[in-house]
Amino acid sequence: MIQAALDARARDIQTALDATMTGYGTAPVAAGMRHARHGGRRVRGFLVIESAGLFGVAPEAAMPAAEAIEALHAYSLVHDDLPCMDDDDLRRGQPTVHVKWDEATAVLVGDALQTLAFARLADLGAPAEHVVALTATLAEASGARGMVLGQSQDIAAETTKRPLDLAGITALQANKTGALIRLRPMTFIADPHARWVLI
């Protein structure tokens, strides 16, 4: 049952991202963005939509936030695959962006996906103060005290003389992977007067 729900939400999020990128053209950066955001389980976007639903927010209202978290996650994977980091040739069974195009294009694709994430938050339709708070929270979770920190810890762990212990691995994953999953505030609830309350 949970797999069917995940699959359905993944399709919805993919459809929304496709619609968002209508008109981006066929240049390598746009093509690379489309390539990078295909596939995956969309667990982060699923959690956004389902969490919002617990407070009576319709999936359509939460979709821009789900798109944002998935675009930001896709950017992190594109950069993680680069030769200067993990140097991976495959991602989700497909050539990585730097392999399919080139390294410079992959950097730009990641940059473009990151900015797309924040553009989607701007389209959330909530009051400005809530959009600002959510944008700041996503920036914090994805930056030098969150996901980026986790990636730097991951790189350092590959060259350290002593393997990480359980506490070190837990801290690394809490930043690299966990930062976008535990992101708050990601849920909005609408009160009976159609105002938005950030929680």
N, C-alpha and C. Protein backbone atom coordinates (compact mmCIF):
# COMPACT_ATOMS: atom_id res chain seq x y z
N MET A 1 0.82 -1.20 0.00
CA MET A 1 0.00 0.00 0.00
C MET A 1 0.86 1.26 0.00
N ILE A 2 1.90 1.28 0.86
CA ILE A 2 2.77 2.45 0.90
C ILE A 2 3.52 2.63 -0.42
N GLN A 3 3.90 1.51 -1.05
CA GLN A 3 4.61 1.60 -2.33
C GLN A 3 3.71 2.21 -3.40
N ALA A 4 2.45 1.82 -3.42
CA ALA A 4 1.51 2.39 -4.39
C ALA A 4 1.35 3.88 -4.18
N ALA A 5 1.28 4.30 -2.91
CA ALA A 5 1.15 5.73 -2.60
C ALA A 5 2.41 6.49 -3.02
N LEU A 6 3.58 5.90 -2.75
CA LEU A 6 4.84 6.52 -3.17
C LEU A 6 4.91 6.65 -4.68
N ASP A 7 4.53 5.60 -5.38
CA ASP A 7 4.57 5.62 -6.85
C ASP A 7 3.64 6.68 -7.41
N ALA A 8 2.44 6.78 -6.84
CA ALA A 8 1.47 7.77 -7.32
C ALA A 8 1.98 9.18 -7.10
N ARG A 9 2.53 9.45 -5.92
CA ARG A 9 3.07 10.78 -5.64
C ARG A 9 4.29 11.09 -6.52
N ALA A 10 5.12 10.08 -6.75
CA ALA A 10 6.28 10.28 -7.61
C ALA A 10 5.84 10.71 -9.00
N ARG A 11 4.79 10.08 -9.53
CA ARG A 11 4.26 10.47 -10.84
C ARG A 11 3.71 11.88 -10.82
N ASP A 12 2.99 12.23 -9.75
CA ASP A 12 2.43 13.58 -9.63
C ASP A 12 3.53 14.63 -9.60
N ILE A 13 4.58 14.36 -8.83
CA ILE A 13 5.68 15.32 -8.71
C ILE A 13 6.42 15.44 -10.03
N GLN A 14 6.62 14.31 -10.71
CA GLN A 14 7.28 14.35 -12.02
C GLN A 14 6.46 15.17 -13.01
N THR A 15 5.15 14.98 -13.01
CA THR A 15 4.27 15.74 -13.90
C THR A 15 4.36 17.23 -13.59
N ALA A 16 4.38 17.56 -12.31
CA ALA A 16 4.48 18.97 -11.92
C ALA A 16 5.82 19.57 -12.34
N LEU A 17 6.91 18.84 -12.14
CA LEU A 17 8.22 19.33 -12.57
C LEU A 17 8.29 19.49 -14.08
N ASP A 18 7.69 18.55 -14.81
CA ASP A 18 7.66 18.66 -16.27
C ASP A 18 6.92 19.94 -16.69
N ALA A 19 5.79 20.20 -16.04
CA ALA A 19 5.02 21.40 -16.36
C ALA A 19 5.79 22.67 -16.02
N THR A 20 6.48 22.65 -14.89
CA THR A 20 7.27 23.81 -14.48
C THR A 20 8.35 24.13 -15.50
N MET A 21 8.94 23.08 -16.09
CA MET A 21 10.04 23.30 -17.02
C MET A 21 9.59 23.45 -18.47
N THR A 22 8.29 23.54 -18.71
CA THR A 22 7.81 23.81 -20.06
C THR A 22 8.39 25.15 -20.51
N GLY A 23 8.93 25.18 -21.69
CA GLY A 23 9.50 26.41 -22.20
C GLY A 23 10.97 26.61 -21.90
N TYR A 24 11.59 25.66 -21.21
CA TYR A 24 13.02 25.78 -20.91
C TYR A 24 13.89 25.50 -22.13
N GLY A 25 13.31 24.91 -23.17
CA GLY A 25 14.07 24.66 -24.37
C GLY A 25 14.86 23.37 -24.30
N THR A 26 15.78 23.22 -25.26
CA THR A 26 16.54 21.97 -25.39
C THR A 26 18.04 22.16 -25.23
N ALA A 27 18.47 23.32 -24.76
CA ALA A 27 19.90 23.55 -24.53
C ALA A 27 20.44 22.52 -23.54
N PRO A 28 21.74 22.27 -23.55
CA PRO A 28 22.30 21.23 -22.67
C PRO A 28 21.94 21.40 -21.20
N VAL A 29 21.90 22.62 -20.69
CA VAL A 29 21.57 22.80 -19.27
C VAL A 29 20.14 22.34 -19.00
N ALA A 30 19.19 22.75 -19.84
CA ALA A 30 17.80 22.34 -19.65
C ALA A 30 17.65 20.83 -19.82
N ALA A 31 18.31 20.28 -20.83
CA ALA A 31 18.25 18.83 -21.04
C ALA A 31 18.86 18.09 -19.86
N GLY A 32 19.96 18.61 -19.33
CA GLY A 32 20.59 18.00 -18.17
C GLY A 32 19.72 18.07 -16.93
N MET A 33 19.00 19.18 -16.76
CA MET A 33 18.07 19.29 -15.63
C MET A 33 16.99 18.23 -15.72
N ARG A 34 16.43 18.06 -16.91
CA ARG A 34 15.38 17.05 -17.09
C ARG A 34 15.94 15.65 -16.82
N HIS A 35 17.13 15.40 -17.31
CA HIS A 35 17.78 14.10 -17.11
C HIS A 35 18.01 13.84 -15.62
N ALA A 36 18.46 14.84 -14.90
CA ALA A 36 18.82 14.68 -13.49
C ALA A 36 17.62 14.47 -12.59
N ARG A 37 16.49 15.01 -12.95
CA ARG A 37 15.33 14.92 -12.06
C ARG A 37 14.41 13.76 -12.38
N HIS A 38 14.78 12.93 -13.36
CA HIS A 38 13.97 11.74 -13.65
C HIS A 38 14.42 10.57 -12.78
N GLY A 39 13.45 9.77 -12.41
CA GLY A 39 13.75 8.59 -11.61
C GLY A 39 13.76 8.90 -10.13
N GLY A 40 14.05 7.90 -9.35
CA GLY A 40 14.06 8.06 -7.90
C GLY A 40 12.68 7.84 -7.31
N ARG A 41 12.65 7.72 -6.01
CA ARG A 41 11.40 7.40 -5.32
C ARG A 41 10.62 8.63 -4.90
N ARG A 42 11.26 9.80 -4.91
CA ARG A 42 10.60 11.06 -4.50
C ARG A 42 10.12 11.01 -3.06
N VAL A 43 10.89 10.37 -2.18
CA VAL A 43 10.49 10.25 -0.79
C VAL A 43 10.35 11.61 -0.13
N ARG A 44 11.26 12.54 -0.42
CA ARG A 44 11.20 13.86 0.21
C ARG A 44 9.95 14.61 -0.20
N GLY A 45 9.65 14.59 -1.49
CA GLY A 45 8.42 15.24 -1.97
C GLY A 45 7.17 14.57 -1.41
N PHE A 46 7.21 13.25 -1.32
CA PHE A 46 6.10 12.50 -0.73
C PHE A 46 5.86 12.96 0.70
N LEU A 47 6.93 13.08 1.48
CA LEU A 47 6.78 13.50 2.88
C LEU A 47 6.21 14.91 2.99
N VAL A 48 6.62 15.80 2.08
CA VAL A 48 6.08 17.16 2.08
C VAL A 48 4.57 17.12 1.87
N ILE A 49 4.13 16.42 0.83
CA ILE A 49 2.70 16.41 0.48
C ILE A 49 1.88 15.70 1.56
N GLU A 50 2.37 14.57 2.03
CA GLU A 50 1.61 13.83 3.04
C GLU A 50 1.57 14.57 4.37
N SER A 51 2.67 15.22 4.74
CA SER A 51 2.67 16.01 5.98
C SER A 51 1.69 17.17 5.88
N ALA A 52 1.68 17.83 4.74
CA ALA A 52 0.73 18.93 4.54
C ALA A 52 -0.70 18.42 4.62
N GLY A 53 -0.93 17.23 4.06
CA GLY A 53 -2.27 16.65 4.09
C GLY A 53 -2.78 16.39 5.49
N LEU A 54 -1.89 16.11 6.42
CA LEU A 54 -2.30 15.89 7.81
C LEU A 54 -2.97 17.13 8.40
N PHE A 55 -2.66 18.29 7.81
CA PHE A 55 -3.22 19.54 8.31
C PHE A 55 -4.24 20.13 7.33
N GLY A 56 -4.75 19.29 6.45
CA GLY A 56 -5.82 19.72 5.57
C GLY A 56 -5.39 20.49 4.35
N VAL A 57 -4.11 20.47 4.03
CA VAL A 57 -3.62 21.17 2.84
C VAL A 57 -3.69 20.22 1.65
N ALA A 58 -4.34 20.67 0.59
CA ALA A 58 -4.50 19.84 -0.60
C ALA A 58 -3.15 19.58 -1.26
N PRO A 59 -2.99 18.42 -1.91
CA PRO A 59 -1.73 18.13 -2.60
C PRO A 59 -1.30 19.21 -3.58
N GLU A 60 -2.27 19.79 -4.29
CA GLU A 60 -1.92 20.83 -5.27
C GLU A 60 -1.30 22.05 -4.60
N ALA A 61 -1.77 22.38 -3.39
CA ALA A 61 -1.22 23.53 -2.68
C ALA A 61 0.19 23.27 -2.19
N ALA A 62 0.47 22.02 -1.84
CA ALA A 62 1.80 21.66 -1.34
C ALA A 62 2.77 21.31 -2.45
N MET A 63 2.28 21.15 -3.67
CA MET A 63 3.13 20.66 -4.76
C MET A 63 4.35 21.55 -5.03
N PRO A 64 4.24 22.88 -5.04
CA PRO A 64 5.45 23.67 -5.28
C PRO A 64 6.56 23.38 -4.26
N ALA A 65 6.18 23.15 -2.99
CA ALA A 65 7.18 22.82 -1.97
C ALA A 65 7.77 21.44 -2.23
N ALA A 66 6.95 20.50 -2.69
CA ALA A 66 7.46 19.17 -3.03
C ALA A 66 8.42 19.24 -4.22
N GLU A 67 8.06 20.05 -5.21
CA GLU A 67 8.96 20.26 -6.35
C GLU A 67 10.28 20.86 -5.88
N ALA A 68 10.19 21.81 -4.98
CA ALA A 68 11.39 22.49 -4.48
C ALA A 68 12.34 21.51 -3.82
N ILE A 69 11.82 20.66 -2.95
CA ILE A 69 12.69 19.74 -2.23
C ILE A 69 13.29 18.71 -3.18
N GLU A 70 12.53 18.29 -4.18
CA GLU A 70 13.05 17.32 -5.15
C GLU A 70 14.07 17.95 -6.10
N ALA A 71 13.86 19.19 -6.50
CA ALA A 71 14.85 19.87 -7.34
C ALA A 71 16.15 20.07 -6.58
N LEU A 72 16.04 20.43 -5.30
CA LEU A 72 17.24 20.63 -4.51
C LEU A 72 17.98 19.32 -4.29
N HIS A 73 17.24 18.25 -4.07
CA HIS A 73 17.87 16.93 -3.92
C HIS A 73 18.56 16.52 -5.22
N ALA A 74 17.91 16.77 -6.36
CA ALA A 74 18.52 16.42 -7.65
C ALA A 74 19.82 17.19 -7.87
N TYR A 75 19.81 18.46 -7.51
CA TYR A 75 21.05 19.25 -7.63
C TYR A 75 22.18 18.62 -6.81
N SER A 76 21.84 18.18 -5.60
CA SER A 76 22.88 17.62 -4.73
C SER A 76 23.46 16.34 -5.33
N LEU A 77 22.63 15.56 -6.00
CA LEU A 77 23.11 14.33 -6.62
C LEU A 77 24.00 14.62 -7.82
N VAL A 78 23.63 15.61 -8.63
CA VAL A 78 24.45 15.97 -9.79
C VAL A 78 25.84 16.39 -9.34
N HIS A 79 25.92 17.22 -8.31
CA HIS A 79 27.22 17.66 -7.82
C HIS A 79 27.96 16.53 -7.11
N ASP A 80 27.24 15.68 -6.39
CA ASP A 80 27.86 14.55 -5.70
C ASP A 80 28.53 13.59 -6.68
N ASP A 81 27.98 13.48 -7.90
CA ASP A 81 28.51 12.57 -8.90
C ASP A 81 29.74 13.11 -9.63
N LEU A 82 30.05 14.37 -9.48
CA LEU A 82 31.14 14.99 -10.23
C LEU A 82 32.49 14.33 -9.95
N PRO A 83 33.41 14.40 -10.92
CA PRO A 83 34.75 13.81 -10.71
C PRO A 83 35.47 14.34 -9.48
N CYS A 84 35.25 15.59 -9.12
CA CYS A 84 35.91 16.16 -7.95
C CYS A 84 35.31 15.67 -6.64
N MET A 85 34.20 14.95 -6.71
CA MET A 85 33.58 14.41 -5.51
C MET A 85 33.60 12.88 -5.58
N ASP A 86 32.47 12.26 -5.94
CA ASP A 86 32.42 10.79 -5.94
C ASP A 86 32.81 10.18 -7.28
N ASP A 87 32.82 10.99 -8.33
CA ASP A 87 33.20 10.53 -9.67
C ASP A 87 32.41 9.29 -10.10
N ASP A 88 31.09 9.41 -10.04
CA ASP A 88 30.22 8.29 -10.42
C ASP A 88 29.84 8.39 -11.89
N ASP A 89 29.77 7.25 -12.56
CA ASP A 89 29.38 7.19 -13.97
C ASP A 89 27.89 6.95 -14.16
N LEU A 90 27.26 6.36 -13.16
CA LEU A 90 25.84 6.03 -13.26
C LEU A 90 25.07 6.58 -12.08
N ARG A 91 23.84 6.97 -12.36
CA ARG A 91 22.91 7.39 -11.31
C ARG A 91 21.53 6.87 -11.72
N ARG A 92 20.92 6.08 -10.88
CA ARG A 92 19.61 5.50 -11.17
C ARG A 92 19.61 4.72 -12.50
N GLY A 93 20.74 4.05 -12.75
CA GLY A 93 20.85 3.22 -13.94
C GLY A 93 21.11 3.97 -15.24
N GLN A 94 21.31 5.28 -15.14
CA GLN A 94 21.55 6.12 -16.32
C GLN A 94 22.90 6.82 -16.17
N PRO A 95 23.50 7.24 -17.30
CA PRO A 95 24.75 7.99 -17.19
C PRO A 95 24.55 9.26 -16.35
N THR A 96 25.52 9.57 -15.53
CA THR A 96 25.44 10.81 -14.76
C THR A 96 25.55 12.00 -15.71
N VAL A 97 25.19 13.18 -15.23
CA VAL A 97 25.13 14.36 -16.10
C VAL A 97 26.51 14.68 -16.67
N HIS A 98 27.56 14.60 -15.86
CA HIS A 98 28.88 14.95 -16.40
C HIS A 98 29.38 13.92 -17.41
N VAL A 99 28.87 12.70 -17.34
CA VAL A 99 29.24 11.68 -18.33
C VAL A 99 28.44 11.88 -19.62
N LYS A 100 27.16 12.14 -19.49
CA LYS A 100 26.29 12.31 -20.67
C LYS A 100 26.61 13.60 -21.42
N TRP A 101 26.96 14.66 -20.69
CA TRP A 101 27.34 15.93 -21.30
C TRP A 101 28.82 16.18 -21.00
N ASP A 102 29.10 17.01 -20.02
CA ASP A 102 30.48 17.28 -19.60
C ASP A 102 30.44 17.87 -18.21
N GLU A 103 31.61 18.05 -17.63
CA GLU A 103 31.68 18.48 -16.23
C GLU A 103 31.12 19.89 -16.03
N ALA A 104 31.46 20.80 -16.94
CA ALA A 104 30.96 22.17 -16.81
C ALA A 104 29.43 22.21 -16.88
N THR A 105 28.86 21.44 -17.79
CA THR A 105 27.40 21.39 -17.90
C THR A 105 26.80 20.83 -16.61
N ALA A 106 27.43 19.82 -16.03
CA ALA A 106 26.91 19.24 -14.79
C ALA A 106 26.91 20.27 -13.65
N VAL A 107 27.95 21.07 -13.55
CA VAL A 107 27.98 22.11 -12.52
C VAL A 107 26.82 23.07 -12.73
N LEU A 108 26.62 23.49 -13.98
CA LEU A 108 25.54 24.43 -14.28
C LEU A 108 24.17 23.81 -14.08
N VAL A 109 24.02 22.54 -14.41
CA VAL A 109 22.75 21.84 -14.18
C VAL A 109 22.43 21.83 -12.68
N GLY A 110 23.42 21.50 -11.86
CA GLY A 110 23.20 21.52 -10.42
C GLY A 110 22.82 22.90 -9.92
N ASP A 111 23.54 23.91 -10.41
CA ASP A 111 23.23 25.29 -10.02
C ASP A 111 21.80 25.66 -10.41
N ALA A 112 21.41 25.27 -11.62
CA ALA A 112 20.06 25.62 -12.11
C ALA A 112 18.98 24.90 -11.33
N LEU A 113 19.22 23.65 -10.95
CA LEU A 113 18.24 22.92 -10.15
C LEU A 113 18.11 23.54 -8.75
N GLN A 114 19.21 23.99 -8.20
CA GLN A 114 19.15 24.64 -6.89
C GLN A 114 18.32 25.92 -6.95
N THR A 115 18.55 26.73 -7.97
CA THR A 115 17.78 27.98 -8.07
C THR A 115 16.32 27.69 -8.40
N LEU A 116 16.06 26.62 -9.16
CA LEU A 116 14.68 26.22 -9.43
C LEU A 116 13.95 25.91 -8.13
N ALA A 117 14.64 25.28 -7.20
CA ALA A 117 14.02 24.95 -5.91
C ALA A 117 13.49 26.20 -5.22
N PHE A 118 14.28 27.23 -5.19
CA PHE A 118 13.85 28.45 -4.50
C PHE A 118 12.79 29.21 -5.31
N ALA A 119 12.85 29.08 -6.63
CA ALA A 119 11.80 29.68 -7.47
C ALA A 119 10.46 29.01 -7.20
N ARG A 120 10.46 27.70 -6.99
CA ARG A 120 9.20 27.00 -6.71
C ARG A 120 8.62 27.43 -5.37
N LEU A 121 9.47 27.68 -4.39
CA LEU A 121 8.95 28.17 -3.11
C LEU A 121 8.30 29.53 -3.27
N ALA A 122 8.83 30.34 -4.15
CA ALA A 122 8.25 31.66 -4.39
C ALA A 122 6.84 31.56 -4.96
N ASP A 123 6.51 30.42 -5.58
CA ASP A 123 5.19 30.20 -6.16
C ASP A 123 4.25 29.46 -5.23
N LEU A 124 4.59 29.37 -3.97
CA LEU A 124 3.82 28.55 -3.04
C LEU A 124 2.40 29.08 -2.83
N GLY A 125 2.22 30.39 -2.94
CA GLY A 125 0.88 30.95 -2.77
C GLY A 125 0.53 31.27 -1.33
N ALA A 126 1.48 31.15 -0.43
CA ALA A 126 1.27 31.51 0.97
C ALA A 126 1.66 32.97 1.18
N PRO A 127 1.30 33.55 2.32
CA PRO A 127 1.72 34.93 2.60
C PRO A 127 3.24 35.07 2.56
N ALA A 128 3.69 36.27 2.22
CA ALA A 128 5.11 36.52 2.01
C ALA A 128 5.96 36.13 3.21
N GLU A 129 5.48 36.41 4.42
CA GLU A 129 6.31 36.11 5.60
C GLU A 129 6.53 34.60 5.75
N HIS A 130 5.55 33.81 5.33
CA HIS A 130 5.70 32.36 5.42
C HIS A 130 6.64 31.83 4.33
N VAL A 131 6.53 32.42 3.15
CA VAL A 131 7.43 32.02 2.06
C VAL A 131 8.87 32.36 2.44
N VAL A 132 9.08 33.53 3.03
CA VAL A 132 10.42 33.93 3.47
C VAL A 132 10.95 32.96 4.52
N ALA A 133 10.11 32.62 5.50
CA ALA A 133 10.54 31.69 6.56
C ALA A 133 10.88 30.32 5.98
N LEU A 134 10.05 29.84 5.08
CA LEU A 134 10.29 28.54 4.47
C LEU A 134 11.55 28.55 3.62
N THR A 135 11.75 29.63 2.87
CA THR A 135 12.95 29.76 2.03
C THR A 135 14.21 29.78 2.89
N ALA A 136 14.16 30.52 3.99
CA ALA A 136 15.31 30.58 4.89
C ALA A 136 15.60 29.22 5.51
N THR A 137 14.55 28.48 5.85
CA THR A 137 14.72 27.16 6.45
C THR A 137 15.32 26.17 5.46
N LEU A 138 14.85 26.22 4.20
CA LEU A 138 15.42 25.34 3.18
C LEU A 138 16.88 25.70 2.90
N ALA A 139 17.18 26.98 2.87
CA ALA A 139 18.57 27.40 2.66
C ALA A 139 19.46 26.90 3.79
N GLU A 140 18.99 27.00 5.01
CA GLU A 140 19.76 26.53 6.17
C GLU A 140 19.98 25.02 6.09
N ALA A 141 18.93 24.27 5.77
CA ALA A 141 19.03 22.81 5.72
C ALA A 141 19.94 22.32 4.60
N SER A 142 20.03 23.11 3.53
CA SER A 142 20.82 22.65 2.39
C SER A 142 22.22 23.25 2.34
N GLY A 143 22.53 24.15 3.25
CA GLY A 143 23.79 24.87 3.18
C GLY A 143 24.90 24.33 4.06
N ALA A 144 25.75 25.24 4.51
CA ALA A 144 26.99 24.88 5.19
C ALA A 144 26.78 24.32 6.59
N ARG A 145 25.54 24.35 7.09
CA ARG A 145 25.25 23.72 8.39
C ARG A 145 24.28 22.56 8.22
N GLY A 146 24.11 22.11 6.97
CA GLY A 146 23.20 21.01 6.68
C GLY A 146 23.79 20.09 5.63
N MET A 147 23.13 20.03 4.47
CA MET A 147 23.50 19.07 3.44
C MET A 147 24.91 19.28 2.90
N VAL A 148 25.31 20.53 2.67
CA VAL A 148 26.67 20.80 2.17
C VAL A 148 27.71 20.38 3.20
N LEU A 149 27.43 20.63 4.47
CA LEU A 149 28.32 20.17 5.53
C LEU A 149 28.45 18.64 5.48
N GLY A 150 27.33 17.95 5.32
CA GLY A 150 27.36 16.50 5.25
C GLY A 150 28.19 16.00 4.08
N GLN A 151 28.08 16.69 2.94
CA GLN A 151 28.88 16.29 1.78
C GLN A 151 30.38 16.49 2.05
N SER A 152 30.73 17.60 2.71
CA SER A 152 32.14 17.83 3.02
C SER A 152 32.65 16.80 4.03
N GLN A 153 31.80 16.40 4.97
CA GLN A 153 32.17 15.35 5.92
C GLN A 153 32.37 14.01 5.19
N ASP A 154 31.53 13.77 4.19
CA ASP A 154 31.64 12.54 3.39
C ASP A 154 32.97 12.51 2.64
N ILE A 155 33.35 13.62 2.03
CA ILE A 155 34.62 13.70 1.31
C ILE A 155 35.79 13.50 2.27
N ALA A 156 35.72 14.16 3.42
CA ALA A 156 36.80 14.02 4.40
C ALA A 156 36.92 12.59 4.90
N ALA A 157 35.76 11.91 5.05
CA ALA A 157 35.78 10.54 5.57
C ALA A 157 36.47 9.58 4.61
N GLU A 158 36.47 9.91 3.33
CA GLU A 158 37.11 9.03 2.34
C GLU A 158 38.63 9.07 2.41
N THR A 159 39.18 10.12 2.98
CA THR A 159 40.63 10.26 3.01
C THR A 159 41.23 10.18 4.41
N THR A 160 40.37 10.01 5.40
CA THR A 160 40.87 9.95 6.77
C THR A 160 41.60 8.63 7.02
N LYS A 161 42.59 8.67 7.90
CA LYS A 161 43.35 7.47 8.21
C LYS A 161 42.57 6.52 9.11
N ARG A 162 41.65 7.09 9.90
CA ARG A 162 40.83 6.26 10.79
C ARG A 162 39.39 6.26 10.28
N PRO A 163 38.81 5.09 10.09
CA PRO A 163 37.41 5.04 9.64
C PRO A 163 36.49 5.72 10.65
N LEU A 164 35.40 6.26 10.16
CA LEU A 164 34.43 6.88 11.05
C LEU A 164 33.81 5.83 11.97
N ASP A 165 33.58 6.22 13.20
CA ASP A 165 32.83 5.35 14.10
C ASP A 165 31.34 5.59 13.87
N LEU A 166 30.49 4.89 14.60
CA LEU A 166 29.05 4.99 14.41
C LEU A 166 28.56 6.42 14.62
N ALA A 167 29.10 7.10 15.63
CA ALA A 167 28.68 8.48 15.89
C ALA A 167 29.05 9.40 14.72
N GLY A 168 30.23 9.19 14.14
CA GLY A 168 30.65 9.99 13.00
C GLY A 168 29.80 9.74 11.77
N ILE A 169 29.47 8.48 11.53
CA ILE A 169 28.61 8.13 10.39
C ILE A 169 27.22 8.72 10.58
N THR A 170 26.71 8.62 11.81
CA THR A 170 25.39 9.16 12.11
C THR A 170 25.35 10.67 11.89
N ALA A 171 26.39 11.37 12.34
CA ALA A 171 26.44 12.83 12.16
C ALA A 171 26.52 13.19 10.69
N LEU A 172 27.34 12.47 9.94
CA LEU A 172 27.47 12.72 8.51
C LEU A 172 26.13 12.55 7.80
N GLN A 173 25.46 11.44 8.05
CA GLN A 173 24.19 11.16 7.37
C GLN A 173 23.08 12.09 7.85
N ALA A 174 23.13 12.50 9.10
CA ALA A 174 22.13 13.45 9.60
C ALA A 174 22.21 14.77 8.85
N ASN A 175 23.42 15.15 8.45
CA ASN A 175 23.58 16.37 7.67
C ASN A 175 23.32 16.13 6.18
N LYS A 176 24.01 15.14 5.63
CA LYS A 176 23.96 14.94 4.17
C LYS A 176 22.57 14.51 3.70
N THR A 177 21.99 13.52 4.33
CA THR A 177 20.70 12.98 3.91
C THR A 177 19.57 13.49 4.79
N GLY A 178 19.81 13.53 6.06
CA GLY A 178 18.75 13.86 7.01
C GLY A 178 18.30 15.30 6.98
N ALA A 179 19.16 16.21 6.57
CA ALA A 179 18.81 17.63 6.64
C ALA A 179 17.55 17.97 5.85
N LEU A 180 17.41 17.38 4.67
CA LEU A 180 16.23 17.67 3.86
C LEU A 180 15.02 16.87 4.30
N ILE A 181 15.23 15.77 5.01
CA ILE A 181 14.09 14.97 5.48
C ILE A 181 13.50 15.56 6.75
N ARG A 182 14.35 16.08 7.62
CA ARG A 182 13.82 16.63 8.87
C ARG A 182 13.48 18.11 8.74
N LEU A 183 13.61 18.66 7.55
CA LEU A 183 13.37 20.09 7.30
C LEU A 183 12.06 20.56 7.92
N ARG A 184 12.15 21.63 8.69
CA ARG A 184 10.98 22.29 9.25
C ARG A 184 11.20 23.79 9.12
N PRO A 185 10.22 24.59 8.89
CA PRO A 185 8.83 24.23 8.71
C PRO A 185 8.52 23.94 7.25
N MET A 186 8.00 22.78 6.96
CA MET A 186 7.67 22.41 5.59
C MET A 186 6.17 22.22 5.43
N THR A 187 5.43 22.39 6.51
CA THR A 187 4.00 22.14 6.45
C THR A 187 3.22 23.40 6.77
N PHE A 188 2.20 23.65 6.00
CA PHE A 188 1.32 24.77 6.24
C PHE A 188 -0.07 24.24 6.56
N ILE A 189 -0.75 24.93 7.44
CA ILE A 189 -2.15 24.58 7.66
C ILE A 189 -3.00 25.81 7.39
N ALA A 190 -4.14 25.59 6.82
CA ALA A 190 -5.06 26.69 6.52
C ALA A 190 -6.11 26.75 7.62
N ASP A 191 -6.33 27.94 8.18
CA ASP A 191 -7.36 28.05 9.20
C ASP A 191 -8.71 28.31 8.53
N PRO A 192 -9.81 28.30 9.26
CA PRO A 192 -11.13 28.46 8.65
C PRO A 192 -11.30 29.78 7.90
N HIS A 193 -10.45 30.76 8.19
CA HIS A 193 -10.56 32.06 7.52
C HIS A 193 -9.63 32.16 6.33
N ALA A 194 -9.12 31.02 5.89
CA ALA A 194 -8.28 30.92 4.69
C ALA A 194 -6.95 31.64 4.84
N ARG A 195 -6.54 31.90 6.09
CA ARG A 195 -5.19 32.41 6.31
C ARG A 195 -4.25 31.24 6.41
N TRP A 196 -2.99 31.51 6.28
CA TRP A 196 -1.99 30.43 6.36
C TRP A 196 -1.27 30.53 7.69
N VAL A 197 -1.09 29.41 8.32
CA VAL A 197 -0.36 29.36 9.58
C VAL A 197 0.86 28.47 9.38
N LEU A 198 2.03 29.03 9.69
CA LEU A 198 3.27 28.27 9.53
C LEU A 198 3.55 27.52 10.82
N ILE A 199 3.84 26.21 10.71
CA ILE A 199 4.14 25.44 11.92
C ILE A 199 5.52 24.81 11.80
